Amino acid sequence: MKKIVVITAGLSVPSSTRLLADLLGEAAERAVEARGAEVEVETIELRPLAHQLADHLLTGFPSGGLATAIDQVRHADGLVVVTPVFAASYSGLFKTFFDVLEEGTLDGTPVLVAATAGTARHSLVLDHALRPLFSYLHAVVVPTGVFAATDDFGADGALQKRVDRAAAELAALVAGSSTATPAAPARTLVADELASPTPFEELLKRASEGPPQY
C-alpha cells in the first residue's frame, strides 16, 4: 500500500488552495492506481495546526494534531504540497511546518509542488521559492509544478491537464516502474549517489579535456 500525503496551507474557508489540493490528491490517487498499485491519500490542513506550530518553535516538541501530521509525513511515499502566495513566496504557515520537521525527514521523498494566487503574475513562485526549498530538504521534486490563479478554476480544462500531468509524474516515482524489475526507491537512489561521489580531481580532469567531439 502506497501512501500519499497532501499538505495544504490555505487560510480561508472555503479555500482555493484546498480546492487545488483536492484536485491534485484525487489525480495522484488515480495515477498510482493506474500503475497497478494500491494507494491511500491523506490530507493535512495546516490552518488548524497554527498554534501548535508556534508552540513547537518555542518548545521544540510537537503535540496533538501536529505530532500526528509530522508522523504522516515521515511515513509518506510521496507528498503533494500546496501553498497560497504571500509576498511573492510561500506563506509563513507553510514554511513553518517544514521548518519543524527533523533533518532528513524528506530525504528522497517525491514531492509535487503547487501554489495558488489571485493572478498569474505570481506563477514563478514554483521555481524561485518552492523548488529551492524542497531541493534543500533533499526531496525529489517532480518536473511539473501546478500554479492556479483565480481564473484558472474555469471550465476550459487547462488546469486539469496540468494537474493530471503532474500527478502522473508523482505516481511514476511513488509506484515505480511498471516493468518486471521494480525501480529503486528514490531514497535509495539519493543515498547511492551520495555514497560514491565523483572525486573533485576527476571533475577537474574532465573539464580540462573539453567537451566530447562528435
Protein backbone atom coordinates (compact mmCIF):
# COMPACT_ATOMS: atom_id res chain seq x y z
CA MET A 1 0.00 0.00 0.00
CA LYS A 2 1.45 3.32 -1.09
CA LYS A 3 0.74 6.45 0.92
CA ILE A 4 0.48 9.98 -0.46
CA VAL A 5 0.09 12.90 1.93
CA VAL A 6 -1.43 16.15 0.68
CA ILE A 7 -0.42 19.26 2.66
CA THR A 8 -2.49 22.40 2.16
CA ALA A 9 -1.78 25.79 3.76
CA GLY A 10 -4.94 27.63 2.80
CA LEU A 11 -6.20 30.10 5.39
CA SER A 12 -9.75 30.81 4.28
CA VAL A 13 -12.81 28.57 4.37
CA PRO A 14 -13.57 27.62 1.66
CA SER A 15 -10.11 27.88 0.15
CA SER A 16 -8.89 27.79 -3.44
CA THR A 17 -5.69 26.27 -2.04
CA ARG A 18 -7.68 23.38 -0.57
CA LEU A 19 -9.59 23.04 -3.85
CA LEU A 20 -6.35 22.66 -5.80
CA ALA A 21 -5.00 20.26 -3.17
CA ASP A 22 -8.09 18.06 -3.55
CA LEU A 23 -7.76 18.06 -7.36
CA LEU A 24 -4.11 17.01 -7.08
CA GLY A 25 -4.78 14.37 -4.45
CA GLU A 26 -7.55 12.78 -6.50
CA ALA A 27 -5.44 12.85 -9.66
CA ALA A 28 -2.46 11.32 -7.85
CA GLU A 29 -4.66 8.54 -6.49
CA ARG A 30 -5.94 7.74 -9.99
CA ALA A 31 -2.44 7.84 -11.46
CA VAL A 32 -0.97 5.46 -8.87
CA GLU A 33 -3.88 3.05 -9.21
CA ALA A 34 -3.44 3.14 -13.00
CA ARG A 35 0.04 1.74 -12.40
CA GLY A 36 -1.44 -1.23 -10.55
CA ALA A 37 -0.59 -0.13 -7.02
CA GLU A 38 -2.90 0.37 -4.07
CA VAL A 39 -2.72 3.84 -2.60
CA GLU A 40 -4.04 5.77 0.37
CA VAL A 41 -4.30 9.57 0.19
CA GLU A 42 -4.35 11.62 3.39
CA THR A 43 -4.81 15.39 3.64
CA ILE A 44 -3.23 17.65 6.24
CA GLU A 45 -4.77 21.11 6.75
CA LEU A 46 -2.17 23.39 8.33
CA ARG A 47 -4.64 26.10 9.36
CA PRO A 48 -5.87 24.25 12.49
CA LEU A 49 -2.26 23.50 13.45
CA ALA A 50 -1.06 27.12 13.55
CA HIS A 51 -0.97 27.43 17.35
CA GLN A 52 0.71 24.05 17.76
CA LEU A 53 3.33 25.05 15.20
CA ALA A 54 4.09 28.21 17.18
CA ASP A 55 4.35 26.17 20.38
CA HIS A 56 6.71 23.74 18.66
CA LEU A 57 9.01 26.59 17.64
CA LEU A 58 9.23 27.65 21.29
CA THR A 59 9.42 24.24 22.98
CA GLY A 60 10.94 22.00 20.34
CA PHE A 61 8.25 19.36 20.84
CA PRO A 62 5.17 18.67 18.68
CA SER A 63 1.85 17.95 20.33
CA GLY A 64 -1.62 16.74 19.38
CA GLY A 65 -2.55 17.02 15.75
CA LEU A 66 0.85 18.41 14.78
CA ALA A 67 2.61 15.30 16.08
CA THR A 68 0.21 13.18 14.05
CA ALA A 69 0.79 15.27 10.92
CA ILE A 70 4.57 15.02 11.25
CA ASP A 71 4.28 11.25 11.62
CA GLN A 72 2.11 11.09 8.49
CA VAL A 73 4.76 12.96 6.51
CA ARG A 74 7.53 10.77 7.92
CA HIS A 75 5.85 7.61 6.60
CA ALA A 76 4.65 9.03 3.27
CA ASP A 77 5.78 7.57 -0.06
CA GLY A 78 5.06 10.91 -1.73
CA LEU A 79 3.83 14.41 -0.94
CA VAL A 80 1.60 16.95 -2.62
CA VAL A 81 2.23 20.40 -1.14
CA VAL A 82 0.06 23.44 -1.88
CA THR A 83 0.51 26.99 -0.58
CA PRO A 84 -1.13 30.33 -1.21
CA VAL A 85 1.27 33.03 -2.41
CA PHE A 86 2.10 35.70 0.18
CA ALA A 87 4.57 38.50 -0.67
CA ALA A 88 5.72 36.64 -3.81
CA SER A 89 6.57 33.46 -1.90
CA TYR A 90 5.08 30.62 0.13
CA SER A 91 3.09 31.51 3.23
CA GLY A 92 4.66 31.66 6.68
CA LEU A 93 2.36 28.89 7.90
CA PHE A 94 3.52 26.63 5.06
CA LYS A 95 7.21 27.32 5.71
CA THR A 96 6.86 26.87 9.46
CA PHE A 97 5.55 23.34 9.05
CA PHE A 98 8.60 22.29 7.08
CA ASP A 99 10.87 24.19 9.47
CA VAL A 100 9.82 21.94 12.35
CA LEU A 101 10.45 18.64 10.56
CA GLU A 102 13.50 16.75 11.73
CA GLU A 103 16.51 16.85 9.45
CA GLY A 104 16.36 14.06 6.89
CA THR A 105 12.59 13.57 7.08
CA LEU A 106 12.11 14.32 3.37
CA ASP A 107 15.32 12.74 2.07
CA GLY A 108 14.48 11.21 -1.31
CA THR A 109 10.73 11.75 -0.93
CA PRO A 110 8.91 12.55 -4.19
CA VAL A 111 7.15 15.92 -3.91
CA LEU A 112 4.66 17.64 -6.20
CA VAL A 113 4.72 21.41 -5.61
CA ALA A 114 1.71 23.66 -6.23
CA ALA A 115 0.54 27.17 -5.40
CA THR A 116 -2.47 29.45 -5.73
CA ALA A 117 -2.78 33.23 -6.11
CA GLY A 118 -5.14 35.86 -7.40
CA THR A 119 -3.32 36.41 -10.70
CA ALA A 120 -0.86 34.58 -12.94
CA ARG A 121 1.82 37.18 -12.15
CA HIS A 122 2.85 35.02 -9.18
CA SER A 123 3.36 31.79 -11.16
CA LEU A 124 7.18 31.94 -10.87
CA VAL A 125 6.83 31.17 -7.17
CA LEU A 126 7.05 27.48 -8.09
CA ASP A 127 10.57 27.87 -9.45
CA HIS A 128 12.06 30.65 -7.34
CA ALA A 129 10.67 29.59 -3.95
CA LEU A 130 9.15 26.10 -3.76
CA ARG A 131 11.67 24.10 -5.78
CA PRO A 132 14.70 25.54 -3.95
CA LEU A 133 13.05 24.84 -0.59
CA PHE A 134 12.42 21.17 -1.29
CA SER A 135 15.74 20.70 -3.02
CA TYR A 136 17.37 21.98 0.16
CA LEU A 137 15.33 19.43 2.12
CA HIS A 138 16.69 16.70 -0.21
CA ALA A 139 13.27 15.83 -1.61
CA VAL A 140 12.78 14.78 -5.24
CA VAL A 141 10.61 17.44 -6.87
CA VAL A 142 8.61 16.25 -9.90
CA PRO A 143 9.24 18.21 -13.13
CA THR A 144 5.75 19.69 -13.43
CA GLY A 145 4.57 22.12 -10.76
CA VAL A 146 1.00 23.38 -10.73
CA PHE A 147 0.09 27.03 -10.30
CA ALA A 148 -3.55 28.12 -10.25
CA ALA A 149 -4.74 31.70 -10.40
CA THR A 150 -8.36 32.50 -9.62
CA ASP A 151 -9.27 32.49 -13.32
CA ASP A 152 -7.79 29.01 -13.78
CA PHE A 153 -10.65 27.38 -11.89
CA GLY A 154 -12.80 27.56 -15.02
CA ALA A 155 -14.33 25.10 -17.41
CA ASP A 156 -11.72 25.04 -20.20
CA GLY A 157 -9.88 22.05 -18.72
CA ALA A 158 -6.39 23.57 -18.92
CA LEU A 159 -5.83 23.37 -15.17
CA GLN A 160 -6.97 19.75 -15.03
CA LYS A 161 -4.48 18.85 -17.76
CA ARG A 162 -1.62 20.30 -15.70
CA VAL A 163 -2.93 18.55 -12.61
CA ASP A 164 -3.07 15.19 -14.40
CA ARG A 165 0.41 15.60 -15.85
CA ALA A 166 1.98 16.46 -12.50
CA ALA A 167 0.09 13.63 -10.80
CA ALA A 168 1.36 11.15 -13.38
CA GLU A 169 4.94 12.24 -12.71
CA LEU A 170 4.44 11.82 -8.98
CA ALA A 171 2.86 8.40 -9.50
CA ALA A 172 5.84 7.29 -11.57
CA LEU A 173 8.11 7.92 -8.59
CA VAL A 174 5.72 6.63 -5.94
CA ALA A 175 4.57 3.46 -7.69
CA GLY A 176 7.83 2.80 -9.52
CA SER A 177 8.30 1.28 -12.93
CA SER A 178 5.58 -0.93 -14.37
CA THR A 179 8.20 -3.33 -15.74
CA ALA A 180 9.06 -6.66 -14.15
CA THR A 181 12.04 -5.17 -12.32
CA PRO A 182 10.83 -2.61 -9.80
CA ALA A 183 12.53 0.76 -9.73
CA ALA A 184 14.79 1.53 -6.81
CA PRO A 185 13.13 3.75 -4.22
CA ALA A 186 14.01 7.43 -4.53
CA ARG A 187 15.62 7.41 -1.08
CA THR A 188 17.94 4.57 -2.18
CA LEU A 189 18.93 6.41 -5.35
CA VAL A 190 19.86 9.53 -3.41
CA ALA A 191 21.81 7.51 -0.86
CA ASP A 192 23.72 5.66 -3.60
CA GLU A 193 24.72 8.93 -5.28
CA LEU A 194 25.97 10.39 -2.01
CA ALA A 195 27.80 7.18 -1.08
CA SER A 196 30.09 7.28 -4.14
CA PRO A 197 30.59 10.89 -5.28
CA THR A 198 32.91 11.68 -8.17
CA PRO A 199 36.27 12.95 -6.80
CA PHE A 200 36.90 16.64 -7.36
CA GLU A 201 40.17 15.87 -9.13
CA GLU A 202 38.28 13.75 -11.66
CA LEU A 203 35.78 16.54 -12.29
CA LEU A 204 38.67 18.97 -12.95
CA LYS A 205 40.28 16.48 -15.32
CA ARG A 206 37.06 16.09 -17.30
CA ALA A 207 36.63 19.85 -17.50
CA SER A 208 40.18 20.35 -18.77
CA GLU A 209 39.69 17.76 -21.52
CA GLY A 210 36.87 19.84 -23.01
CA PRO A 211 33.58 18.67 -24.48
CA PRO A 212 33.48 15.40 -26.47
CA GLN A 213 33.86 15.67 -30.24
CA TYR A 214 31.12 14.25 -32.45
